[in-house]
Amino acid sequence: MPYNDGSEHFPAALKLLIAGGFGVGKTTFVGAVSEIAPLRTEELLTMASVGTDDLSGVERKSTTTVAMDFGRITISADYVLYLFGTPGQERFWFMWDELCNGAMGAVVLADTRRLEDCFAAVDFFESRGIDFLVAVNQFETAFRYDAGDIRGALDLKPQIPVIFCDARDRKSAVGVLISLIRYLLDTRADEPSPPVAALSDRPSLDNGAPA
């Protein structure tokens, strides 16, 4: 909890992770929702990545996150979400342990063209007891599947939400965060959490589907 001497109100900071495979849209997601200029650690893909980074399905991608993305969004006068986007390539996974410290929950972004790329994130959060949901980023060239098919393919537990989004669209991406917070409220009913009113006061943002 931030320091407060009683003279001024400070909102509580809640840390969330945005994870998933290489090229799934994590940087785009953080940039779409952040109310500040997002911090990005992107570098150009070079010939050195040939044979290391699999560009199948994302051939047009020219940059990659090498450390993290960072953004912020205020959901009420009492709570601010700090978003940390994880690097997608396997050689940068050592960053995940550091980034998950103090995280309240996570969004695992998935691309149905490369669904296997999010297995590592699902396994990582399950093994560390971090609650998460799966948000399917609906790329224009991707096949459409229902939530049940995706749940089965990823072997998810029944209670883990599977929703659909457009990571480029702020309303859609914020809807994912609201769905995650509501899921965390349900799973941590005995712990202090953002009040439901703080979320229900924003019905225009409560939409996990593309606009």
N, C-alpha and C. Protein backbone atom coordinates (compact mmCIF):
# COMPACT_ATOMS: atom_id res chain seq x y z
N MET A 1 0.85 -1.19 0.00
CA MET A 1 0.00 0.00 0.00
C MET A 1 0.89 1.25 0.00
N PRO A 2 0.64 2.23 -0.86
CA PRO A 2 1.46 3.44 -0.89
C PRO A 2 1.43 4.18 0.44
N TYR A 3 2.50 4.90 0.75
CA TYR A 3 2.60 5.67 1.99
C TYR A 3 1.55 6.78 2.00
N ASN A 4 0.92 6.96 3.12
CA ASN A 4 -0.11 7.98 3.27
C ASN A 4 -0.06 8.52 4.69
N ASP A 5 0.26 9.83 4.87
CA ASP A 5 0.32 10.42 6.20
C ASP A 5 -1.00 11.05 6.61
N GLY A 6 -2.05 10.84 5.80
CA GLY A 6 -3.36 11.36 6.13
C GLY A 6 -3.67 12.68 5.48
N SER A 7 -2.68 13.34 4.90
CA SER A 7 -2.91 14.66 4.32
C SER A 7 -3.40 14.58 2.89
N GLU A 8 -3.20 13.45 2.22
CA GLU A 8 -3.60 13.33 0.83
C GLU A 8 -3.93 11.87 0.53
N HIS A 9 -4.95 11.67 -0.30
CA HIS A 9 -5.35 10.31 -0.64
C HIS A 9 -4.49 9.75 -1.77
N PHE A 10 -3.99 8.54 -1.56
CA PHE A 10 -3.22 7.88 -2.59
C PHE A 10 -3.92 6.58 -2.98
N PRO A 11 -4.07 6.31 -4.27
CA PRO A 11 -4.71 5.06 -4.68
C PRO A 11 -3.79 3.86 -4.46
N ALA A 12 -4.39 2.70 -4.23
CA ALA A 12 -3.62 1.46 -4.13
C ALA A 12 -3.20 1.04 -5.52
N ALA A 13 -1.99 0.51 -5.62
CA ALA A 13 -1.44 0.05 -6.91
C ALA A 13 -1.59 -1.46 -7.01
N LEU A 14 -2.20 -1.93 -8.09
CA LEU A 14 -2.39 -3.35 -8.34
C LEU A 14 -1.59 -3.74 -9.59
N LYS A 15 -0.78 -4.76 -9.46
CA LYS A 15 0.10 -5.18 -10.54
C LYS A 15 -0.52 -6.35 -11.31
N LEU A 16 -0.63 -6.20 -12.63
CA LEU A 16 -1.13 -7.26 -13.50
C LEU A 16 -0.11 -7.54 -14.60
N LEU A 17 -0.03 -8.78 -15.01
CA LEU A 17 0.86 -9.18 -16.09
C LEU A 17 0.08 -9.44 -17.37
N ILE A 18 0.66 -9.07 -18.50
CA ILE A 18 0.10 -9.37 -19.82
C ILE A 18 1.11 -10.29 -20.50
N ALA A 19 0.74 -11.55 -20.65
CA ALA A 19 1.69 -12.56 -21.13
C ALA A 19 1.15 -13.25 -22.37
N GLY A 20 1.97 -14.14 -22.93
CA GLY A 20 1.59 -14.88 -24.13
C GLY A 20 2.78 -15.09 -25.02
N GLY A 21 2.55 -15.72 -26.15
CA GLY A 21 3.62 -16.05 -27.07
C GLY A 21 4.15 -14.86 -27.85
N PHE A 22 5.17 -15.12 -28.62
CA PHE A 22 5.82 -14.12 -29.47
C PHE A 22 4.84 -13.61 -30.52
N GLY A 23 4.69 -12.29 -30.62
CA GLY A 23 3.86 -11.69 -31.65
C GLY A 23 2.37 -11.78 -31.44
N VAL A 24 1.94 -12.06 -30.20
CA VAL A 24 0.51 -12.26 -29.94
C VAL A 24 -0.25 -10.96 -29.71
N GLY A 25 0.47 -9.86 -29.46
CA GLY A 25 -0.18 -8.57 -29.29
C GLY A 25 -0.06 -7.95 -27.92
N LYS A 26 0.91 -8.39 -27.12
CA LYS A 26 1.06 -7.87 -25.76
C LYS A 26 1.41 -6.38 -25.75
N THR A 27 2.37 -5.99 -26.56
CA THR A 27 2.77 -4.58 -26.62
C THR A 27 1.60 -3.72 -27.10
N THR A 28 0.87 -4.21 -28.09
CA THR A 28 -0.29 -3.49 -28.61
C THR A 28 -1.36 -3.34 -27.53
N PHE A 29 -1.61 -4.40 -26.78
CA PHE A 29 -2.61 -4.40 -25.71
C PHE A 29 -2.28 -3.34 -24.66
N VAL A 30 -1.04 -3.37 -24.17
CA VAL A 30 -0.63 -2.40 -23.14
C VAL A 30 -0.74 -0.98 -23.67
N GLY A 31 -0.32 -0.76 -24.89
CA GLY A 31 -0.39 0.57 -25.48
C GLY A 31 -1.82 1.05 -25.67
N ALA A 32 -2.75 0.13 -25.95
CA ALA A 32 -4.13 0.50 -26.19
C ALA A 32 -4.83 1.00 -24.92
N VAL A 33 -4.49 0.44 -23.77
CA VAL A 33 -5.21 0.80 -22.54
C VAL A 33 -4.49 1.82 -21.68
N SER A 34 -3.19 1.98 -21.86
CA SER A 34 -2.42 2.82 -20.93
C SER A 34 -2.81 4.29 -21.05
N GLU A 35 -3.00 4.92 -19.89
CA GLU A 35 -3.33 6.35 -19.85
C GLU A 35 -2.07 7.22 -19.85
N ILE A 36 -0.92 6.59 -19.80
CA ILE A 36 0.36 7.29 -19.94
C ILE A 36 1.05 6.73 -21.18
N ALA A 37 2.06 7.44 -21.64
CA ALA A 37 2.85 6.90 -22.75
C ALA A 37 3.53 5.62 -22.27
N PRO A 38 3.22 4.47 -22.88
CA PRO A 38 3.76 3.21 -22.37
C PRO A 38 5.27 3.12 -22.53
N LEU A 39 5.90 2.48 -21.56
CA LEU A 39 7.33 2.17 -21.66
C LEU A 39 7.47 0.89 -22.46
N ARG A 40 8.28 0.94 -23.51
CA ARG A 40 8.49 -0.23 -24.35
C ARG A 40 9.97 -0.52 -24.47
N THR A 41 10.32 -1.80 -24.52
CA THR A 41 11.71 -2.20 -24.70
C THR A 41 11.81 -3.05 -25.96
N GLU A 42 11.35 -2.48 -27.07
CA GLU A 42 11.36 -3.20 -28.34
C GLU A 42 12.67 -2.97 -29.08
N GLU A 43 13.12 -4.01 -29.74
CA GLU A 43 14.30 -3.92 -30.60
C GLU A 43 13.95 -4.53 -31.96
N LEU A 44 14.64 -4.08 -32.99
CA LEU A 44 14.43 -4.61 -34.33
C LEU A 44 14.88 -6.07 -34.39
N LEU A 45 14.09 -6.89 -35.07
CA LEU A 45 14.53 -8.25 -35.36
C LEU A 45 15.63 -8.19 -36.41
N THR A 46 16.68 -8.96 -36.21
CA THR A 46 17.82 -8.96 -37.13
C THR A 46 18.09 -10.39 -37.60
N MET A 47 19.09 -10.53 -38.43
CA MET A 47 19.46 -11.86 -38.93
C MET A 47 19.89 -12.77 -37.80
N ALA A 48 20.30 -12.17 -36.66
CA ALA A 48 20.74 -13.01 -35.54
C ALA A 48 19.60 -13.83 -34.97
N SER A 49 18.36 -13.41 -35.24
CA SER A 49 17.21 -14.13 -34.70
C SER A 49 16.75 -15.26 -35.61
N VAL A 50 17.31 -15.35 -36.81
CA VAL A 50 16.93 -16.40 -37.74
C VAL A 50 17.28 -17.76 -37.13
N GLY A 51 16.30 -18.67 -37.14
CA GLY A 51 16.51 -19.97 -36.54
C GLY A 51 16.21 -20.01 -35.06
N THR A 52 16.00 -18.83 -34.47
CA THR A 52 15.68 -18.75 -33.04
C THR A 52 14.23 -18.33 -32.83
N ASP A 53 13.82 -17.25 -33.49
CA ASP A 53 12.44 -16.76 -33.39
C ASP A 53 11.60 -17.33 -34.53
N ASP A 54 10.49 -17.96 -34.17
CA ASP A 54 9.59 -18.52 -35.16
C ASP A 54 8.61 -17.45 -35.61
N LEU A 55 8.70 -17.02 -36.86
CA LEU A 55 7.83 -15.97 -37.38
C LEU A 55 6.62 -16.51 -38.13
N SER A 56 6.37 -17.81 -38.03
CA SER A 56 5.23 -18.40 -38.72
C SER A 56 3.93 -17.74 -38.23
N GLY A 57 3.19 -17.18 -39.18
CA GLY A 57 1.93 -16.51 -38.84
C GLY A 57 2.09 -15.05 -38.51
N VAL A 58 3.31 -14.60 -38.24
CA VAL A 58 3.56 -13.18 -37.92
C VAL A 58 4.75 -12.69 -38.75
N GLU A 59 4.75 -13.04 -40.01
CA GLU A 59 5.90 -12.74 -40.88
C GLU A 59 6.18 -11.26 -41.00
N ARG A 60 5.17 -10.41 -40.79
CA ARG A 60 5.36 -8.97 -40.93
C ARG A 60 5.95 -8.32 -39.68
N LYS A 61 6.09 -9.08 -38.61
CA LYS A 61 6.60 -8.51 -37.37
C LYS A 61 8.07 -8.14 -37.53
N SER A 62 8.41 -6.89 -37.16
CA SER A 62 9.79 -6.43 -37.36
C SER A 62 10.49 -6.08 -36.06
N THR A 63 9.75 -6.06 -34.94
CA THR A 63 10.36 -5.74 -33.65
C THR A 63 9.96 -6.78 -32.63
N THR A 64 10.68 -6.80 -31.50
CA THR A 64 10.38 -7.74 -30.43
C THR A 64 10.68 -7.11 -29.09
N THR A 65 9.88 -7.47 -28.06
CA THR A 65 10.11 -6.98 -26.70
C THR A 65 11.22 -7.80 -26.06
N VAL A 66 12.25 -7.11 -25.54
CA VAL A 66 13.40 -7.82 -24.98
C VAL A 66 13.43 -7.76 -23.46
N ALA A 67 12.59 -6.96 -22.83
CA ALA A 67 12.54 -6.92 -21.36
C ALA A 67 11.10 -6.91 -20.88
N MET A 68 10.37 -5.81 -21.14
CA MET A 68 8.98 -5.74 -20.72
C MET A 68 8.33 -4.53 -21.37
N ASP A 69 7.00 -4.50 -21.33
CA ASP A 69 6.22 -3.30 -21.62
C ASP A 69 5.61 -2.86 -20.30
N PHE A 70 5.38 -1.56 -20.17
CA PHE A 70 4.78 -1.06 -18.93
C PHE A 70 3.76 0.01 -19.26
N GLY A 71 2.59 -0.08 -18.61
CA GLY A 71 1.55 0.92 -18.77
C GLY A 71 0.74 1.05 -17.49
N ARG A 72 -0.14 2.04 -17.46
CA ARG A 72 -0.95 2.29 -16.27
C ARG A 72 -2.35 2.69 -16.67
N ILE A 73 -3.35 2.23 -15.89
CA ILE A 73 -4.72 2.65 -16.10
C ILE A 73 -5.41 2.79 -14.75
N THR A 74 -6.11 3.90 -14.54
CA THR A 74 -6.84 4.15 -13.30
C THR A 74 -8.26 3.61 -13.45
N ILE A 75 -8.69 2.76 -12.51
CA ILE A 75 -10.05 2.23 -12.59
C ILE A 75 -11.00 2.90 -11.60
N SER A 76 -10.45 3.61 -10.61
CA SER A 76 -11.27 4.37 -9.66
C SER A 76 -10.34 5.29 -8.89
N ALA A 77 -10.91 6.11 -8.00
CA ALA A 77 -10.08 7.00 -7.18
C ALA A 77 -9.22 6.21 -6.21
N ASP A 78 -9.56 4.94 -5.99
CA ASP A 78 -8.86 4.13 -4.99
C ASP A 78 -7.87 3.13 -5.58
N TYR A 79 -8.00 2.83 -6.87
CA TYR A 79 -7.19 1.76 -7.44
C TYR A 79 -6.63 2.14 -8.80
N VAL A 80 -5.35 1.83 -8.97
CA VAL A 80 -4.65 2.01 -10.23
C VAL A 80 -4.03 0.68 -10.62
N LEU A 81 -4.21 0.30 -11.90
CA LEU A 81 -3.60 -0.93 -12.39
C LEU A 81 -2.29 -0.61 -13.09
N TYR A 82 -1.25 -1.33 -12.71
CA TYR A 82 0.04 -1.22 -13.38
C TYR A 82 0.23 -2.49 -14.20
N LEU A 83 0.41 -2.32 -15.50
CA LEU A 83 0.46 -3.44 -16.43
C LEU A 83 1.89 -3.70 -16.87
N PHE A 84 2.30 -4.95 -16.78
CA PHE A 84 3.64 -5.36 -17.20
C PHE A 84 3.50 -6.42 -18.27
N GLY A 85 3.90 -6.08 -19.49
CA GLY A 85 3.89 -7.04 -20.59
C GLY A 85 5.17 -7.83 -20.61
N THR A 86 5.06 -9.16 -20.64
CA THR A 86 6.24 -10.01 -20.59
C THR A 86 6.81 -10.22 -22.00
N PRO A 87 8.11 -10.48 -22.10
CA PRO A 87 8.69 -10.83 -23.41
C PRO A 87 8.20 -12.20 -23.85
N GLY A 88 8.02 -12.39 -25.16
CA GLY A 88 7.44 -13.61 -25.66
C GLY A 88 8.42 -14.71 -26.03
N GLN A 89 9.64 -14.36 -26.43
CA GLN A 89 10.57 -15.38 -26.90
C GLN A 89 11.17 -16.16 -25.73
N GLU A 90 11.44 -17.42 -25.98
CA GLU A 90 11.92 -18.32 -24.92
C GLU A 90 13.21 -17.81 -24.30
N ARG A 91 14.08 -17.20 -25.10
CA ARG A 91 15.38 -16.79 -24.55
C ARG A 91 15.26 -15.63 -23.56
N PHE A 92 14.08 -14.99 -23.47
CA PHE A 92 13.87 -13.91 -22.51
C PHE A 92 12.96 -14.31 -21.35
N TRP A 93 12.64 -15.62 -21.25
CA TRP A 93 11.71 -16.05 -20.21
C TRP A 93 12.27 -15.88 -18.80
N PHE A 94 13.59 -15.73 -18.67
CA PHE A 94 14.17 -15.52 -17.33
C PHE A 94 13.60 -14.26 -16.68
N MET A 95 13.06 -13.33 -17.50
CA MET A 95 12.47 -12.11 -16.97
C MET A 95 11.15 -12.37 -16.25
N TRP A 96 10.48 -13.47 -16.58
CA TRP A 96 9.14 -13.70 -16.06
C TRP A 96 9.13 -13.84 -14.54
N ASP A 97 10.12 -14.55 -13.98
CA ASP A 97 10.17 -14.73 -12.53
C ASP A 97 10.26 -13.39 -11.82
N GLU A 98 11.06 -12.48 -12.37
CA GLU A 98 11.21 -11.16 -11.77
C GLU A 98 9.91 -10.36 -11.90
N LEU A 99 9.29 -10.41 -13.07
CA LEU A 99 8.09 -9.62 -13.31
C LEU A 99 6.90 -10.11 -12.51
N CYS A 100 6.84 -11.40 -12.17
CA CYS A 100 5.66 -11.93 -11.47
C CYS A 100 5.65 -11.60 -9.99
N ASN A 101 6.74 -11.10 -9.44
CA ASN A 101 6.77 -10.75 -8.02
C ASN A 101 5.74 -9.68 -7.71
N GLY A 102 4.82 -9.98 -6.80
CA GLY A 102 3.81 -9.02 -6.40
C GLY A 102 2.63 -8.90 -7.34
N ALA A 103 2.56 -9.74 -8.38
CA ALA A 103 1.47 -9.66 -9.34
C ALA A 103 0.18 -10.19 -8.74
N MET A 104 -0.92 -9.47 -8.97
CA MET A 104 -2.22 -9.86 -8.47
C MET A 104 -2.86 -10.90 -9.40
N GLY A 105 -2.61 -10.80 -10.69
CA GLY A 105 -3.19 -11.71 -11.66
C GLY A 105 -2.58 -11.46 -13.03
N ALA A 106 -3.07 -12.19 -14.03
CA ALA A 106 -2.47 -12.10 -15.36
C ALA A 106 -3.50 -12.33 -16.45
N VAL A 107 -3.21 -11.73 -17.60
CA VAL A 107 -3.92 -12.00 -18.85
C VAL A 107 -2.97 -12.80 -19.73
N VAL A 108 -3.43 -13.96 -20.21
CA VAL A 108 -2.66 -14.72 -21.20
C VAL A 108 -3.31 -14.47 -22.55
N LEU A 109 -2.63 -13.72 -23.41
CA LEU A 109 -3.13 -13.48 -24.76
C LEU A 109 -2.84 -14.70 -25.63
N ALA A 110 -3.82 -15.06 -26.45
CA ALA A 110 -3.67 -16.22 -27.33
C ALA A 110 -3.99 -15.84 -28.76
N ASP A 111 -3.33 -16.51 -29.69
CA ASP A 111 -3.56 -16.36 -31.12
C ASP A 111 -3.90 -17.75 -31.65
N THR A 112 -5.11 -17.93 -32.20
CA THR A 112 -5.53 -19.27 -32.63
C THR A 112 -4.66 -19.82 -33.76
N ARG A 113 -3.91 -18.96 -34.44
CA ARG A 113 -3.00 -19.45 -35.49
C ARG A 113 -1.77 -20.11 -34.89
N ARG A 114 -1.45 -19.77 -33.63
CA ARG A 114 -0.27 -20.28 -32.94
C ARG A 114 -0.63 -20.55 -31.48
N LEU A 115 -1.71 -21.31 -31.27
CA LEU A 115 -2.24 -21.49 -29.92
C LEU A 115 -1.23 -22.13 -28.98
N GLU A 116 -0.38 -22.99 -29.53
CA GLU A 116 0.60 -23.68 -28.69
C GLU A 116 1.59 -22.71 -28.05
N ASP A 117 1.73 -21.50 -28.60
CA ASP A 117 2.69 -20.54 -28.07
C ASP A 117 2.31 -20.00 -26.70
N CYS A 118 1.05 -20.18 -26.28
CA CYS A 118 0.67 -19.67 -24.96
C CYS A 118 0.71 -20.76 -23.89
N PHE A 119 1.07 -22.00 -24.26
CA PHE A 119 1.17 -23.07 -23.27
C PHE A 119 2.14 -22.71 -22.15
N ALA A 120 3.27 -22.11 -22.51
CA ALA A 120 4.29 -21.79 -21.51
C ALA A 120 3.75 -20.81 -20.47
N ALA A 121 2.97 -19.81 -20.91
CA ALA A 121 2.41 -18.84 -19.97
C ALA A 121 1.38 -19.50 -19.06
N VAL A 122 0.52 -20.34 -19.63
CA VAL A 122 -0.48 -21.06 -18.83
C VAL A 122 0.22 -21.90 -17.77
N ASP A 123 1.22 -22.68 -18.17
CA ASP A 123 1.95 -23.53 -17.22
C ASP A 123 2.65 -22.70 -16.15
N PHE A 124 3.23 -21.57 -16.57
CA PHE A 124 3.97 -20.72 -15.64
C PHE A 124 3.06 -20.20 -14.52
N PHE A 125 1.90 -19.65 -14.88
CA PHE A 125 1.02 -19.08 -13.88
C PHE A 125 0.35 -20.16 -13.03
N GLU A 126 0.03 -21.29 -13.62
CA GLU A 126 -0.54 -22.38 -12.84
C GLU A 126 0.46 -22.88 -11.80
N SER A 127 1.72 -23.01 -12.18
CA SER A 127 2.73 -23.55 -11.27
C SER A 127 3.03 -22.59 -10.12
N ARG A 128 2.79 -21.30 -10.33
CA ARG A 128 3.06 -20.30 -9.29
C ARG A 128 1.80 -19.83 -8.57
N GLY A 129 0.68 -20.41 -8.88
CA GLY A 129 -0.55 -20.08 -8.19
C GLY A 129 -1.05 -18.67 -8.48
N ILE A 130 -0.75 -18.14 -9.66
CA ILE A 130 -1.20 -16.80 -10.05
C ILE A 130 -2.46 -16.95 -10.90
N ASP A 131 -3.55 -16.33 -10.44
CA ASP A 131 -4.81 -16.43 -11.18
C ASP A 131 -4.71 -15.68 -12.51
N PHE A 132 -5.31 -16.26 -13.55
CA PHE A 132 -5.24 -15.66 -14.88
C PHE A 132 -6.49 -16.00 -15.68
N LEU A 133 -6.69 -15.25 -16.76
CA LEU A 133 -7.68 -15.62 -17.76
C LEU A 133 -6.99 -15.66 -19.11
N VAL A 134 -7.65 -16.30 -20.08
CA VAL A 134 -7.13 -16.36 -21.44
C VAL A 134 -7.97 -15.44 -22.31
N ALA A 135 -7.31 -14.51 -22.99
CA ALA A 135 -7.97 -13.58 -23.90
C ALA A 135 -7.49 -13.88 -25.31
N VAL A 136 -8.40 -14.31 -26.17
CA VAL A 136 -8.05 -14.66 -27.54
C VAL A 136 -8.07 -13.39 -28.40
N ASN A 137 -6.90 -13.02 -28.88
CA ASN A 137 -6.77 -11.83 -29.73
C ASN A 137 -7.22 -12.22 -31.13
N GLN A 138 -8.31 -11.65 -31.60
CA GLN A 138 -8.92 -12.09 -32.85
C GLN A 138 -8.30 -11.38 -34.07
N PHE A 139 -7.19 -11.93 -34.51
CA PHE A 139 -6.55 -11.43 -35.71
C PHE A 139 -7.46 -11.66 -36.91
N GLU A 140 -7.38 -10.76 -37.88
CA GLU A 140 -8.27 -10.85 -39.03
C GLU A 140 -8.08 -12.13 -39.83
N THR A 141 -6.87 -12.66 -39.86
CA THR A 141 -6.60 -13.86 -40.66
C THR A 141 -6.72 -15.15 -39.87
N ALA A 142 -7.13 -15.05 -38.59
CA ALA A 142 -7.19 -16.24 -37.74
C ALA A 142 -8.54 -16.93 -37.85
N PHE A 143 -8.54 -18.25 -37.66
CA PHE A 143 -9.77 -19.00 -37.60
C PHE A 143 -10.52 -18.66 -36.32
N ARG A 144 -11.84 -18.75 -36.36
CA ARG A 144 -12.67 -18.47 -35.19
C ARG A 144 -13.10 -19.78 -34.54
N TYR A 145 -12.86 -19.90 -33.24
CA TYR A 145 -13.27 -21.07 -32.47
C TYR A 145 -14.08 -20.59 -31.28
N ASP A 146 -14.91 -21.45 -30.73
CA ASP A 146 -15.65 -21.03 -29.55
C ASP A 146 -14.80 -21.27 -28.31
N ALA A 147 -15.25 -20.70 -27.19
CA ALA A 147 -14.47 -20.75 -25.95
C ALA A 147 -14.24 -22.18 -25.49
N GLY A 148 -15.23 -23.06 -25.70
CA GLY A 148 -15.08 -24.44 -25.27
C GLY A 148 -13.97 -25.16 -26.00
N ASP A 149 -13.86 -24.92 -27.31
CA ASP A 149 -12.80 -25.55 -28.09
C ASP A 149 -11.42 -25.08 -27.62
N ILE A 150 -11.31 -23.78 -27.35
CA ILE A 150 -10.03 -23.23 -26.90
C ILE A 150 -9.69 -23.75 -25.51
N ARG A 151 -10.69 -23.83 -24.64
CA ARG A 151 -10.45 -24.37 -23.29
C ARG A 151 -9.94 -25.80 -23.37
N GLY A 152 -10.55 -26.59 -24.25
CA GLY A 152 -10.12 -27.98 -24.38
C GLY A 152 -8.72 -28.09 -24.95
N ALA A 153 -8.41 -27.26 -25.95
CA ALA A 153 -7.09 -27.31 -26.58
C ALA A 153 -5.98 -26.93 -25.60
N LEU A 154 -6.28 -26.01 -24.69
CA LEU A 154 -5.28 -25.57 -23.71
C LEU A 154 -5.35 -26.35 -22.40
N ASP A 155 -6.33 -27.26 -22.30
CA ASP A 155 -6.51 -28.08 -21.09
C ASP A 155 -6.65 -27.19 -19.85
N LEU A 156 -7.52 -26.17 -19.96
CA LEU A 156 -7.72 -25.23 -18.87
C LEU A 156 -8.70 -25.79 -17.84
N LYS A 157 -8.52 -25.37 -16.60
CA LYS A 157 -9.49 -25.71 -15.56
C LYS A 157 -10.82 -25.02 -15.85
N PRO A 158 -11.93 -25.63 -15.44
CA PRO A 158 -13.25 -25.10 -15.80
C PRO A 158 -13.50 -23.67 -15.37
N GLN A 159 -12.90 -23.23 -14.25
CA GLN A 159 -13.19 -21.90 -13.73
C GLN A 159 -12.41 -20.78 -14.42
N ILE A 160 -11.40 -21.11 -15.21
CA ILE A 160 -10.58 -20.08 -15.84
C ILE A 160 -11.33 -19.47 -17.02
N PRO A 161 -11.57 -18.16 -17.00
CA PRO A 161 -12.32 -17.54 -18.09
C PRO A 161 -11.57 -17.56 -19.42
N VAL A 162 -12.31 -17.75 -20.50
CA VAL A 162 -11.80 -17.60 -21.86
C VAL A 162 -12.68 -16.57 -22.55
N ILE A 163 -12.08 -15.46 -22.96
CA ILE A 163 -12.84 -14.39 -23.59
C ILE A 163 -12.15 -13.99 -24.90
N PHE A 164 -12.81 -13.14 -25.67
CA PHE A 164 -12.29 -12.72 -26.97
C PHE A 164 -12.09 -11.22 -26.98
N CYS A 165 -11.07 -10.76 -27.70
CA CYS A 165 -10.76 -9.34 -27.69
C CYS A 165 -10.08 -8.92 -28.99
N ASP A 166 -9.98 -7.62 -29.15
CA ASP A 166 -9.15 -7.00 -30.18
C ASP A 166 -8.14 -6.15 -29.43
N ALA A 167 -6.88 -6.59 -29.37
CA ALA A 167 -5.87 -5.90 -28.57
C ALA A 167 -5.60 -4.49 -29.04
N ARG A 168 -6.03 -4.14 -30.25
CA ARG A 168 -5.82 -2.79 -30.77
C ARG A 168 -6.85 -1.80 -30.26
N ASP A 169 -7.98 -2.31 -29.79
CA ASP A 169 -9.12 -1.49 -29.43
C ASP A 169 -9.17 -1.27 -27.92
N ARG A 170 -9.15 0.00 -27.50
CA ARG A 170 -9.08 0.30 -26.07
C ARG A 170 -10.27 -0.27 -25.31
N LYS A 171 -11.47 -0.07 -25.84
CA LYS A 171 -12.66 -0.56 -25.16
C LYS A 171 -12.61 -2.07 -24.97
N SER A 172 -12.19 -2.78 -25.98
CA SER A 172 -12.10 -4.23 -25.90
C SER A 172 -11.03 -4.66 -24.91
N ALA A 173 -9.85 -4.02 -24.96
CA ALA A 173 -8.75 -4.39 -24.06
C ALA A 173 -9.08 -4.07 -22.61
N VAL A 174 -9.71 -2.91 -22.36
CA VAL A 174 -10.12 -2.58 -20.99
C VAL A 174 -11.15 -3.59 -20.49
N GLY A 175 -12.03 -4.03 -21.39
CA GLY A 175 -12.99 -5.06 -21.02
C GLY A 175 -12.32 -6.33 -20.52
N VAL A 176 -11.18 -6.69 -21.12
CA VAL A 176 -10.42 -7.84 -20.66
C VAL A 176 -9.94 -7.63 -19.22
N LEU A 177 -9.42 -6.44 -18.93
CA LEU A 177 -8.93 -6.15 -17.58
C LEU A 177 -10.07 -6.18 -16.57
N ILE A 178 -11.22 -5.65 -16.94
CA ILE A 178 -12.37 -5.68 -16.05
C ILE A 178 -12.79 -7.12 -15.78
N SER A 179 -12.79 -7.97 -16.81
CA SER A 179 -13.12 -9.37 -16.63
C SER A 179 -12.13 -10.05 -15.70
N LEU A 180 -10.85 -9.70 -15.83
CA LEU A 180 -9.84 -10.28 -14.95
C LEU A 180 -10.07 -9.86 -13.50
N ILE A 181 -10.32 -8.57 -13.26
CA ILE A 181 -10.54 -8.10 -11.90
C ILE A 181 -11.76 -8.77 -11.29
N ARG A 182 -12.82 -8.92 -12.07
CA ARG A 182 -14.02 -9.59 -11.55
C ARG A 182 -13.72 -11.05 -11.22
N TYR A 183 -12.91 -11.70 -12.05
CA TYR A 183 -12.52 -13.08 -11.76
C TYR A 183 -11.71 -13.14 -10.47
N LEU A 184 -10.80 -12.19 -10.29
CA LEU A 184 -10.01 -12.15 -9.06
C LEU A 184 -10.89 -11.90 -7.85
N LEU A 185 -11.91 -11.05 -8.00
CA LEU A 185 -12.85 -10.82 -6.91
C LEU A 185 -13.54 -12.12 -6.51
N ASP A 186 -13.92 -12.91 -7.50
CA ASP A 186 -14.62 -14.16 -7.23
C ASP A 186 -13.71 -15.17 -6.54
N THR A 187 -12.45 -15.23 -6.94
CA THR A 187 -11.53 -16.23 -6.40
C THR A 187 -10.89 -15.80 -5.09
N ARG A 188 -10.96 -14.49 -4.78
CA ARG A 188 -10.36 -13.98 -3.55
C ARG A 188 -11.40 -13.22 -2.74
N ALA A 189 -12.53 -13.84 -2.55
CA ALA A 189 -13.66 -13.18 -1.88
C ALA A 189 -13.33 -12.75 -0.46
N ASP A 190 -12.39 -13.42 0.20
CA ASP A 190 -12.06 -13.10 1.59
C ASP A 190 -10.91 -12.12 1.72
N GLU A 191 -10.36 -11.67 0.57
CA GLU A 191 -9.24 -10.74 0.60
C GLU A 191 -9.68 -9.35 0.14
N PRO A 192 -9.02 -8.27 0.64
CA PRO A 192 -9.35 -6.93 0.15
C PRO A 192 -9.07 -6.82 -1.33
N SER A 193 -10.05 -6.32 -2.10
CA SER A 193 -9.92 -6.21 -3.55
C SER A 193 -10.65 -4.97 -4.02
N PRO A 194 -10.45 -4.57 -5.28
CA PRO A 194 -11.17 -3.41 -5.80
C PRO A 194 -12.68 -3.61 -5.67
N PRO A 195 -13.42 -2.63 -5.22
CA PRO A 195 -14.86 -2.78 -5.06
C PRO A 195 -15.55 -3.00 -6.40
N VAL A 196 -16.59 -3.83 -6.38
CA VAL A 196 -17.33 -4.10 -7.60
C VAL A 196 -17.89 -2.81 -8.19
N ALA A 197 -18.27 -1.87 -7.32
CA ALA A 197 -18.84 -0.60 -7.80
C ALA A 197 -17.87 0.15 -8.69
N ALA A 198 -16.57 0.01 -8.41
CA ALA A 198 -15.58 0.73 -9.21
C ALA A 198 -15.59 0.24 -10.65
N LEU A 199 -16.03 -1.01 -10.85
CA LEU A 199 -16.08 -1.57 -12.18
C LEU A 199 -17.45 -1.37 -12.81
N SER A 200 -18.50 -1.57 -12.02
CA SER A 200 -19.84 -1.47 -12.58
C SER A 200 -20.21 -0.04 -12.92
N ASP A 201 -19.47 0.94 -12.41
CA ASP A 201 -19.72 2.33 -12.76
C ASP A 201 -19.26 2.64 -14.18
N ARG A 202 -18.58 1.69 -14.86
CA ARG A 202 -18.04 1.95 -16.18
C ARG A 202 -18.62 0.96 -17.20
N PRO A 203 -19.95 0.91 -17.34
CA PRO A 203 -20.55 -0.09 -18.22
C PRO A 203 -20.12 0.05 -19.67
N SER A 204 -19.74 1.24 -20.10
CA SER A 204 -19.36 1.44 -21.50
C SER A 204 -18.05 0.75 -21.84
N LEU A 205 -17.25 0.41 -20.80
CA LEU A 205 -15.99 -0.27 -21.02
C LEU A 205 -16.10 -1.75 -20.80
N ASP A 206 -17.25 -2.20 -20.31
CA ASP A 206 -17.40 -3.61 -19.92
C ASP A 206 -17.74 -4.44 -21.14
N ASN A 207 -16.74 -4.73 -21.96
CA ASN A 207 -16.98 -5.47 -23.18
C ASN A 207 -15.70 -6.17 -23.59
N GLY A 208 -15.68 -7.48 -23.51
CA GLY A 208 -14.48 -8.22 -23.87
C GLY A 208 -14.40 -8.58 -25.33
N ALA A 209 -15.41 -8.20 -26.12
CA ALA A 209 -15.39 -8.55 -27.53
C ALA A 209 -14.94 -7.37 -28.36
N PRO A 210 -14.45 -7.62 -29.56
CA PRO A 210 -14.02 -6.52 -30.41
C PRO A 210 -15.16 -5.57 -30.70
N ALA A 211 -14.84 -4.28 -30.82
CA ALA A 211 -15.85 -3.29 -31.13
C ALA A 211 -16.32 -3.45 -32.57
